[in-house]
Amino acid sequence: MFAELEAEGLIVREPGTADRRQSVLRLTGAGRRALERDMAERDVWLAGALASLSETERGVLELAAAVMERVADAETSPAGE
Protein backbone atom coordinates (compact mmCIF):
# COMPACT_ATOMS: atom_id res chain seq x y z
CA MET A 1 0.00 0.00 0.00
CA PHE A 2 2.80 2.45 0.84
CA ALA A 3 4.45 1.66 -2.49
CA GLU A 4 1.26 2.77 -4.28
CA LEU A 5 1.12 6.03 -2.32
CA GLU A 6 4.79 6.61 -3.07
CA ALA A 7 4.29 5.87 -6.78
CA GLU A 8 1.44 8.39 -6.87
CA GLY A 9 3.69 11.03 -5.29
CA LEU A 10 1.60 11.27 -2.13
CA ILE A 11 4.35 10.18 0.27
CA VAL A 12 8.13 9.95 0.28
CA ARG A 13 10.32 7.46 2.14
CA GLU A 14 13.36 8.71 3.95
CA PRO A 15 15.92 6.65 5.83
CA GLY A 16 15.54 6.63 9.60
CA THR A 17 18.06 8.73 11.50
CA ALA A 18 18.60 6.30 14.38
CA ASP A 19 18.42 3.10 12.33
CA ARG A 20 19.03 3.28 8.58
CA ARG A 21 17.13 -0.01 8.13
CA GLN A 22 13.96 1.87 9.03
CA SER A 23 12.05 4.21 6.75
CA VAL A 24 10.25 7.36 7.77
CA LEU A 25 7.19 8.16 5.68
CA ARG A 26 6.34 11.81 5.03
CA LEU A 27 3.38 13.34 3.21
CA THR A 28 4.21 15.39 0.14
CA GLY A 29 2.33 18.58 -0.69
CA ALA A 30 0.13 16.58 -3.05
CA GLY A 31 -0.41 14.00 -0.31
CA ARG A 32 -1.46 16.65 2.20
CA ARG A 33 -3.91 18.18 -0.31
CA ALA A 34 -5.37 14.73 -1.08
CA LEU A 35 -5.78 14.05 2.64
CA GLU A 36 -7.47 17.42 3.22
CA ARG A 37 -9.84 16.78 0.28
CA ASP A 38 -10.70 13.33 1.61
CA MET A 39 -11.33 14.68 5.11
CA ALA A 40 -13.55 17.47 3.74
CA GLU A 41 -15.59 14.94 1.73
CA ARG A 42 -16.04 12.77 4.81
CA ASP A 43 -17.11 15.80 6.86
CA VAL A 44 -19.77 16.67 4.27
CA TRP A 45 -20.98 13.06 4.23
CA LEU A 46 -21.12 12.86 8.03
CA ALA A 47 -22.96 16.17 8.35
CA GLY A 48 -25.56 14.94 5.88
CA ALA A 49 -25.90 11.59 7.60
CA LEU A 50 -26.34 13.22 11.00
CA ALA A 51 -28.85 15.73 9.62
CA SER A 52 -31.01 12.83 8.41
CA LEU A 53 -31.38 11.50 11.98
CA SER A 54 -34.12 12.47 14.36
CA GLU A 55 -33.34 14.42 17.53
CA THR A 56 -33.83 11.21 19.53
CA GLU A 57 -31.42 9.28 17.32
CA ARG A 58 -28.78 12.02 17.67
CA GLY A 59 -29.27 11.88 21.44
CA VAL A 60 -28.72 8.11 21.40
CA LEU A 61 -25.47 8.66 19.46
CA GLU A 62 -24.31 11.23 22.02
CA LEU A 63 -24.97 8.77 24.85
CA ALA A 64 -23.22 5.97 22.98
CA ALA A 65 -20.19 8.20 22.35
CA ALA A 66 -19.97 9.02 26.06
CA VAL A 67 -20.13 5.31 26.94
CA MET A 68 -17.43 4.49 24.37
CA GLU A 69 -15.17 7.19 25.84
CA ARG A 70 -15.63 5.71 29.31
CA VAL A 71 -14.80 2.24 28.00
CA ALA A 72 -11.71 3.55 26.21
CA ASP A 73 -10.53 5.37 29.33
CA ALA A 74 -11.21 2.46 31.69
CA GLU A 75 -8.22 0.94 33.38
CA THR A 76 -8.58 -2.80 33.36
CA SER A 77 -6.31 -5.71 33.95
CA PRO A 78 -6.19 -8.77 31.69
CA ALA A 79 -8.72 -11.50 32.48
CA GLY A 80 -7.72 -13.78 35.29
CA GLU A 81 -5.46 -11.33 37.13
PDB file of N, CA and C in Angstrom:
ATOM      1  N   MET A   1       0.821  -1.186   0.000  1.00  0.00           N
ATOM      2  CA  MET A   1       0.000   0.000   0.000  1.00  0.00           C
ATOM      3  C   MET A   1       0.869   1.256   0.000  1.00  0.00           C
ATOM      4  N   PHE A   2       1.926   1.271   0.804  1.00  0.00           N
ATOM      5  CA  PHE A   2       2.799   2.447   0.837  1.00  0.00           C
ATOM      6  C   PHE A   2       3.484   2.645  -0.509  1.00  0.00           C
ATOM      7  N   ALA A   3       3.808   1.555  -1.185  1.00  0.00           N
ATOM      8  CA  ALA A   3       4.446   1.661  -2.495  1.00  0.00           C
ATOM      9  C   ALA A   3       3.526   2.381  -3.479  1.00  0.00           C
ATOM     10  N   GLU A   4       2.220   2.100  -3.394  1.00  0.00           N
ATOM     11  CA  GLU A   4       1.258   2.772  -4.275  1.00  0.00           C
ATOM     12  C   GLU A   4       1.201   4.267  -3.981  1.00  0.00           C
ATOM     13  N   LEU A   5       1.154   4.613  -2.697  1.00  0.00           N
ATOM     14  CA  LEU A   5       1.120   6.030  -2.322  1.00  0.00           C
ATOM     15  C   LEU A   5       2.391   6.741  -2.766  1.00  0.00           C
ATOM     16  N   GLU A   6       3.505   6.045  -2.644  1.00  0.00           N
ATOM     17  CA  GLU A   6       4.790   6.610  -3.070  1.00  0.00           C
ATOM     18  C   GLU A   6       4.810   6.786  -4.592  1.00  0.00           C
ATOM     19  N   ALA A   7       4.317   5.796  -5.319  1.00  0.00           N
ATOM     20  CA  ALA A   7       4.291   5.868  -6.785  1.00  0.00           C
ATOM     21  C   ALA A   7       3.403   7.012  -7.268  1.00  0.00           C
ATOM     22  N   GLU A   8       2.350   7.310  -6.508  1.00  0.00           N
ATOM     23  CA  GLU A   8       1.443   8.395  -6.870  1.00  0.00           C
ATOM     24  C   GLU A   8       1.966   9.757  -6.415  1.00  0.00           C
ATOM     25  N   GLY A   9       3.109   9.775  -5.738  1.00  0.00           N
ATOM     26  CA  GLY A   9       3.693  11.032  -5.288  1.00  0.00           C
ATOM     27  C   GLY A   9       3.017  11.631  -4.070  1.00  0.00           C
ATOM     28  N   LEU A  10       2.309  10.781  -3.303  1.00  0.00           N
ATOM     29  CA  LEU A  10       1.600  11.272  -2.125  1.00  0.00           C
ATOM     30  C   LEU A  10       2.443  11.198  -0.856  1.00  0.00           C
ATOM     31  N   ILE A  11       3.420  10.291  -0.847  1.00  0.00           N
ATOM     32  CA  ILE A  11       4.353  10.180   0.272  1.00  0.00           C
ATOM     33  C   ILE A  11       5.762   9.997  -0.275  1.00  0.00           C
ATOM     34  N   VAL A  12       6.735  10.267   0.591  1.00  0.00           N
ATOM     35  CA  VAL A  12       8.133   9.948   0.275  1.00  0.00           C
ATOM     36  C   VAL A  12       8.691   9.146   1.437  1.00  0.00           C
ATOM     37  N   ARG A  13       9.621   8.257   1.118  1.00  0.00           N
ATOM     38  CA  ARG A  13      10.316   7.459   2.136  1.00  0.00           C
ATOM     39  C   ARG A  13      11.685   8.077   2.347  1.00  0.00           C
ATOM     40  N   GLU A  14      12.038   8.207   3.606  1.00  0.00           N
ATOM     41  CA  GLU A  14      13.358   8.710   3.947  1.00  0.00           C
ATOM     42  C   GLU A  14      13.990   7.734   4.936  1.00  0.00           C
ATOM     43  N   PRO A  15      15.286   7.562   4.879  1.00  0.00           N
ATOM     44  CA  PRO A  15      15.923   6.646   5.835  1.00  0.00           C
ATOM     45  C   PRO A  15      15.789   7.184   7.263  1.00  0.00           C
ATOM     46  N   GLY A  16      15.621   6.250   8.195  1.00  0.00           N
ATOM     47  CA  GLY A  16      15.539   6.635   9.598  1.00  0.00           C
ATOM     48  C   GLY A  16      16.866   7.201  10.072  1.00  0.00           C
ATOM     49  N   THR A  17      16.823   8.124  11.013  1.00  0.00           N
ATOM     50  CA  THR A  17      18.064   8.732  11.504  1.00  0.00           C
ATOM     51  C   THR A  17      18.761   7.846  12.528  1.00  0.00           C
ATOM     52  N   ALA A  18      18.005   7.149  13.348  1.00  0.00           N
ATOM     53  CA  ALA A  18      18.600   6.303  14.380  1.00  0.00           C
ATOM     54  C   ALA A  18      18.977   4.926  13.824  1.00  0.00           C
ATOM     55  N   ASP A  19      18.191   4.432  12.887  1.00  0.00           N
ATOM     56  CA  ASP A  19      18.417   3.102  12.330  1.00  0.00           C
ATOM     57  C   ASP A  19      18.153   3.186  10.832  1.00  0.00           C
ATOM     58  N   ARG A  20      19.175   3.098  10.030  1.00  0.00           N
ATOM     59  CA  ARG A  20      19.035   3.280   8.583  1.00  0.00           C
ATOM     60  C   ARG A  20      18.252   2.138   7.923  1.00  0.00           C
ATOM     61  N   ARG A  21      17.972   1.064   8.675  1.00  0.00           N
ATOM     62  CA  ARG A  21      17.133  -0.005   8.135  1.00  0.00           C
ATOM     63  C   ARG A  21      15.666   0.407   8.132  1.00  0.00           C
ATOM     64  N   GLN A  22      15.331   1.387   8.938  1.00  0.00           N
ATOM     65  CA  GLN A  22      13.960   1.867   9.026  1.00  0.00           C
ATOM     66  C   GLN A  22      13.712   2.954   7.988  1.00  0.00           C
ATOM     67  N   SER A  23      12.454   3.124   7.633  1.00  0.00           N
ATOM     68  CA  SER A  23      12.055   4.208   6.747  1.00  0.00           C
ATOM     69  C   SER A  23      11.074   5.105   7.480  1.00  0.00           C
ATOM     70  N   VAL A  24      11.206   6.379   7.251  1.00  0.00           N
ATOM     71  CA  VAL A  24      10.255   7.359   7.768  1.00  0.00           C
ATOM     72  C   VAL A  24       9.416   7.804   6.584  1.00  0.00           C
ATOM     73  N   LEU A  25       8.099   7.755   6.746  1.00  0.00           N
ATOM     74  CA  LEU A  25       7.191   8.164   5.683  1.00  0.00           C
ATOM     75  C   LEU A  25       6.746   9.599   5.952  1.00  0.00           C
ATOM     76  N   ARG A  26       6.740  10.406   4.893  1.00  0.00           N
ATOM     77  CA  ARG A  26       6.340  11.805   5.028  1.00  0.00           C
ATOM     78  C   ARG A  26       5.384  12.139   3.895  1.00  0.00           C
ATOM     79  N   LEU A  27       4.319  12.887   4.229  1.00  0.00           N
ATOM     80  CA  LEU A  27       3.385  13.344   3.211  1.00  0.00           C
ATOM     81  C   LEU A  27       4.046  14.394   2.338  1.00  0.00           C
ATOM     82  N   THR A  28       3.779  14.330   1.054  1.00  0.00           N
ATOM     83  CA  THR A  28       4.209  15.389   0.142  1.00  0.00           C
ATOM     84  C   THR A  28       3.116  16.461   0.139  1.00  0.00           C
ATOM     85  N   GLY A  29       3.369  17.560  -0.549  1.00  0.00           N
ATOM     86  CA  GLY A  29       2.332  18.584  -0.689  1.00  0.00           C
ATOM     87  C   GLY A  29       1.086  18.017  -1.334  1.00  0.00           C
ATOM     88  N   ALA A  30       1.273  17.209  -2.373  1.00  0.00           N
ATOM     89  CA  ALA A  30       0.131  16.579  -3.047  1.00  0.00           C
ATOM     90  C   ALA A  30      -0.582  15.617  -2.096  1.00  0.00           C
ATOM     91  N   GLY A  31       0.179  14.921  -1.269  1.00  0.00           N
ATOM     92  CA  GLY A  31      -0.410  14.000  -0.309  1.00  0.00           C
ATOM     93  C   GLY A  31      -1.231  14.732   0.733  1.00  0.00           C
ATOM     94  N   ARG A  32      -0.727  15.857   1.204  1.00  0.00           N
ATOM     95  CA  ARG A  32      -1.456  16.654   2.197  1.00  0.00           C
ATOM     96  C   ARG A  32      -2.755  17.195   1.587  1.00  0.00           C
ATOM     97  N   ARG A  33      -2.692  17.666   0.341  1.00  0.00           N
ATOM     98  CA  ARG A  33      -3.905  18.175  -0.314  1.00  0.00           C
ATOM     99  C   ARG A  33      -4.924  17.052  -0.513  1.00  0.00           C
ATOM    100  N   ALA A  34      -4.465  15.872  -0.903  1.00  0.00           N
ATOM    101  CA  ALA A  34      -5.370  14.729  -1.082  1.00  0.00           C
ATOM    102  C   ALA A  34      -6.020  14.354   0.248  1.00  0.00           C
ATOM    103  N   LEU A  35      -5.241  14.370   1.317  1.00  0.00           N
ATOM    104  CA  LEU A  35      -5.776  14.049   2.637  1.00  0.00           C
ATOM    105  C   LEU A  35      -6.813  15.085   3.057  1.00  0.00           C
ATOM    106  N   GLU A  36      -6.517  16.356   2.849  1.00  0.00           N
ATOM    107  CA  GLU A  36      -7.466  17.417   3.217  1.00  0.00           C
ATOM    108  C   GLU A  36      -8.760  17.302   2.406  1.00  0.00           C
ATOM    109  N   ARG A  37      -8.652  16.978   1.113  1.00  0.00           N
ATOM    110  CA  ARG A  37      -9.842  16.780   0.276  1.00  0.00           C
ATOM    111  C   ARG A  37     -10.678  15.613   0.800  1.00  0.00           C
ATOM    112  N   ASP A  38     -10.004  14.507   1.109  1.00  0.00           N
ATOM    113  CA  ASP A  38     -10.701  13.326   1.608  1.00  0.00           C
ATOM    114  C   ASP A  38     -11.405  13.641   2.922  1.00  0.00           C
ATOM    115  N   MET A  39     -10.727  14.330   3.816  1.00  0.00           N
ATOM    116  CA  MET A  39     -11.331  14.676   5.106  1.00  0.00           C
ATOM    117  C   MET A  39     -12.535  15.600   4.920  1.00  0.00           C
ATOM    118  N   ALA A  40     -12.434  16.559   4.004  1.00  0.00           N
ATOM    119  CA  ALA A  40     -13.553  17.466   3.743  1.00  0.00           C
ATOM    120  C   ALA A  40     -14.753  16.697   3.192  1.00  0.00           C
ATOM    121  N   GLU A  41     -14.507  15.753   2.277  1.00  0.00           N
ATOM    122  CA  GLU A  41     -15.592  14.943   1.726  1.00  0.00           C
ATOM    123  C   GLU A  41     -16.261  14.113   2.816  1.00  0.00           C
ATOM    124  N   ARG A  42     -15.464  13.566   3.715  1.00  0.00           N
ATOM    125  CA  ARG A  42     -16.035  12.774   4.811  1.00  0.00           C
ATOM    126  C   ARG A  42     -16.850  13.654   5.747  1.00  0.00           C
ATOM    127  N   ASP A  43     -16.368  14.874   6.007  1.00  0.00           N
ATOM    128  CA  ASP A  43     -17.107  15.804   6.864  1.00  0.00           C
ATOM    129  C   ASP A  43     -18.471  16.134   6.269  1.00  0.00           C
ATOM    130  N   VAL A  44     -18.505  16.371   4.946  1.00  0.00           N
ATOM    131  CA  VAL A  44     -19.766  16.672   4.273  1.00  0.00           C
ATOM    132  C   VAL A  44     -20.701  15.472   4.379  1.00  0.00           C
ATOM    133  N   TRP A  45     -20.153  14.269   4.130  1.00  0.00           N
ATOM    134  CA  TRP A  45     -20.979  13.058   4.229  1.00  0.00           C
ATOM    135  C   TRP A  45     -21.539  12.899   5.639  1.00  0.00           C
ATOM    136  N   LEU A  46     -20.676  13.051   6.649  1.00  0.00           N
ATOM    137  CA  LEU A  46     -21.116  12.856   8.030  1.00  0.00           C
ATOM    138  C   LEU A  46     -22.164  13.886   8.429  1.00  0.00           C
ATOM    139  N   ALA A  47     -21.977  15.138   8.037  1.00  0.00           N
ATOM    140  CA  ALA A  47     -22.964  16.171   8.354  1.00  0.00           C
ATOM    141  C   ALA A  47     -24.316  15.818   7.746  1.00  0.00           C
ATOM    142  N   GLY A  48     -24.310  15.339   6.522  1.00  0.00           N
ATOM    143  CA  GLY A  48     -25.564  14.940   5.882  1.00  0.00           C
ATOM    144  C   GLY A  48     -26.206  13.751   6.565  1.00  0.00           C
ATOM    145  N   ALA A  49     -25.377  12.780   6.927  1.00  0.00           N
ATOM    146  CA  ALA A  49     -25.904  11.587   7.599  1.00  0.00           C
ATOM    147  C   ALA A  49     -26.507  11.955   8.952  1.00  0.00           C
ATOM    148  N   LEU A  50     -25.823  12.807   9.701  1.00  0.00           N
ATOM    149  CA  LEU A  50     -26.344  13.217  11.005  1.00  0.00           C
ATOM    150  C   LEU A  50     -27.611  14.051  10.869  1.00  0.00           C
ATOM    151  N   ALA A  51     -27.668  14.891   9.834  1.00  0.00           N
ATOM    152  CA  ALA A  51     -28.851  15.726   9.619  1.00  0.00           C
ATOM    153  C   ALA A  51     -30.081  14.883   9.302  1.00  0.00           C
ATOM    154  N   SER A  52     -29.874  13.683   8.768  1.00  0.00           N
ATOM    155  CA  SER A  52     -31.008  12.830   8.415  1.00  0.00           C
ATOM    156  C   SER A  52     -31.594  12.108   9.623  1.00  0.00           C
ATOM    157  N   LEU A  53     -30.903  12.190  10.772  1.00  0.00           N
ATOM    158  CA  LEU A  53     -31.380  11.505  11.980  1.00  0.00           C
ATOM    159  C   LEU A  53     -32.362  12.380  12.746  1.00  0.00           C
ATOM    160  N   SER A  54     -33.202  11.730  13.498  1.00  0.00           N
ATOM    161  CA  SER A  54     -34.120  12.472  14.363  1.00  0.00           C
ATOM    162  C   SER A  54     -33.349  12.979  15.584  1.00  0.00           C
ATOM    163  N   GLU A  55     -33.970  13.887  16.315  1.00  0.00           N
ATOM    164  CA  GLU A  55     -33.343  14.418  17.534  1.00  0.00           C
ATOM    165  C   GLU A  55     -33.071  13.284  18.527  1.00  0.00           C
ATOM    166  N   THR A  56     -34.002  12.352  18.622  1.00  0.00           N
ATOM    167  CA  THR A  56     -33.834  11.208  19.526  1.00  0.00           C
ATOM    168  C   THR A  56     -32.644  10.353  19.099  1.00  0.00           C
ATOM    169  N   GLU A  57     -32.530  10.097  17.816  1.00  0.00           N
ATOM    170  CA  GLU A  57     -31.421   9.282  17.317  1.00  0.00           C
ATOM    171  C   GLU A  57     -30.078   9.977  17.576  1.00  0.00           C
ATOM    172  N   ARG A  58     -30.018  11.286  17.378  1.00  0.00           N
ATOM    173  CA  ARG A  58     -28.777  12.019  17.666  1.00  0.00           C
ATOM    174  C   ARG A  58     -28.452  11.949  19.155  1.00  0.00           C
ATOM    175  N   GLY A  59     -29.479  11.998  20.000  1.00  0.00           N
ATOM    176  CA  GLY A  59     -29.270  11.877  21.439  1.00  0.00           C
ATOM    177  C   GLY A  59     -28.709  10.509  21.808  1.00  0.00           C
ATOM    178  N   VAL A  60     -29.224   9.469  21.162  1.00  0.00           N
ATOM    179  CA  VAL A  60     -28.718   8.112  21.399  1.00  0.00           C
ATOM    180  C   VAL A  60     -27.246   8.039  21.014  1.00  0.00           C
ATOM    181  N   LEU A  61     -26.877   8.647  19.879  1.00  0.00           N
ATOM    182  CA  LEU A  61     -25.472   8.655  19.462  1.00  0.00           C
ATOM    183  C   LEU A  61     -24.594   9.390  20.472  1.00  0.00           C
ATOM    184  N   GLU A  62     -25.088  10.494  21.006  1.00  0.00           N
ATOM    185  CA  GLU A  62     -24.311  11.231  22.016  1.00  0.00           C
ATOM    186  C   GLU A  62     -24.081  10.366  23.248  1.00  0.00           C
ATOM    187  N   LEU A  63     -25.111   9.664  23.694  1.00  0.00           N
ATOM    188  CA  LEU A  63     -24.965   8.775  24.851  1.00  0.00           C
ATOM    189  C   LEU A  63     -23.990   7.638  24.540  1.00  0.00           C
ATOM    190  N   ALA A  64     -24.117   7.062  23.364  1.00  0.00           N
ATOM    191  CA  ALA A  64     -23.222   5.968  22.980  1.00  0.00           C
ATOM    192  C   ALA A  64     -21.779   6.455  22.926  1.00  0.00           C
ATOM    193  N   ALA A  65     -21.549   7.655  22.418  1.00  0.00           N
ATOM    194  CA  ALA A  65     -20.193   8.204  22.353  1.00  0.00           C
ATOM    195  C   ALA A  65     -19.619   8.372  23.755  1.00  0.00           C
ATOM    196  N   ALA A  66     -20.438   8.846  24.681  1.00  0.00           N
ATOM    197  CA  ALA A  66     -19.970   9.016  26.064  1.00  0.00           C
ATOM    198  C   ALA A  66     -19.612   7.665  26.676  1.00  0.00           C
ATOM    199  N   VAL A  67     -20.415   6.654  26.416  1.00  0.00           N
ATOM    200  CA  VAL A  67     -20.127   5.314  26.937  1.00  0.00           C
ATOM    201  C   VAL A  67     -18.831   4.781  26.326  1.00  0.00           C
ATOM    202  N   MET A  68     -18.650   4.960  25.035  1.00  0.00           N
ATOM    203  CA  MET A  68     -17.431   4.489  24.371  1.00  0.00           C
ATOM    204  C   MET A  68     -16.191   5.197  24.929  1.00  0.00           C
ATOM    205  N   GLU A  69     -16.299   6.473  25.232  1.00  0.00           N
ATOM    206  CA  GLU A  69     -15.169   7.190  25.838  1.00  0.00           C
ATOM    207  C   GLU A  69     -14.837   6.609  27.210  1.00  0.00           C
ATOM    208  N   ARG A  70     -15.867   6.308  28.004  1.00  0.00           N
ATOM    209  CA  ARG A  70     -15.631   5.707  29.314  1.00  0.00           C
ATOM    210  C   ARG A  70     -14.960   4.349  29.182  1.00  0.00           C
ATOM    211  N   VAL A  71     -15.405   3.559  28.223  1.00  0.00           N
ATOM    212  CA  VAL A  71     -14.805   2.244  27.996  1.00  0.00           C
ATOM    213  C   VAL A  71     -13.345   2.405  27.585  1.00  0.00           C
ATOM    214  N   ALA A  72     -13.075   3.326  26.689  1.00  0.00           N
ATOM    215  CA  ALA A  72     -11.708   3.545  26.207  1.00  0.00           C
ATOM    216  C   ALA A  72     -10.793   4.025  27.325  1.00  0.00           C
ATOM    217  N   ASP A  73     -11.336   4.814  28.243  1.00  0.00           N
ATOM    218  CA  ASP A  73     -10.535   5.369  29.330  1.00  0.00           C
ATOM    219  C   ASP A  73     -10.427   4.447  30.540  1.00  0.00           C
ATOM    220  N   ALA A  74     -11.197   3.360  30.538  1.00  0.00           N
ATOM    221  CA  ALA A  74     -11.214   2.456  31.688  1.00  0.00           C
ATOM    222  C   ALA A  74      -9.886   1.757  31.847  1.00  0.00           C
ATOM    223  N   GLU A  75      -9.436   1.691  33.076  1.00  0.00           N
ATOM    224  CA  GLU A  75      -8.216   0.945  33.384  1.00  0.00           C
ATOM    225  C   GLU A  75      -8.631  -0.449  33.817  1.00  0.00           C
ATOM    226  N   THR A  76      -8.234  -1.418  33.037  1.00  0.00           N
ATOM    227  CA  THR A  76      -8.580  -2.802  33.359  1.00  0.00           C
ATOM    228  C   THR A  76      -7.335  -3.654  33.312  1.00  0.00           C
ATOM    229  N   SER A  77      -7.400  -4.765  34.005  1.00  0.00           N
ATOM    230  CA  SER A  77      -6.305  -5.711  33.946  1.00  0.00           C
ATOM    231  C   SER A  77      -6.753  -6.895  33.094  1.00  0.00           C
ATOM    232  N   PRO A  78      -5.808  -7.597  32.494  1.00  0.00           N
ATOM    233  CA  PRO A  78      -6.191  -8.768  31.685  1.00  0.00           C
ATOM    234  C   PRO A  78      -7.005  -9.762  32.496  1.00  0.00           C
ATOM    235  N   ALA A  79      -7.851 -10.518  31.820  1.00  0.00           N
ATOM    236  CA  ALA A  79      -8.716 -11.497  32.482  1.00  0.00           C
ATOM    237  C   ALA A  79      -7.873 -12.484  33.283  1.00  0.00           C
ATOM    238  N   GLY A  80      -8.382 -12.798  34.461  1.00  0.00           N
ATOM    239  CA  GLY A  80      -7.717 -13.782  35.294  1.00  0.00           C
ATOM    240  C   GLY A  80      -6.661 -13.210  36.233  1.00  0.00           C
ATOM    241  N   GLU A  81      -6.456 -11.924  36.211  1.00  0.00           N
ATOM    242  CA  GLU A  81      -5.462 -11.330  37.133  1.00  0.00           C
ATOM    243  C   GLU A  81      -6.124 -10.682  38.299  1.00  0.00           C
TER     244      GLU A  81
END
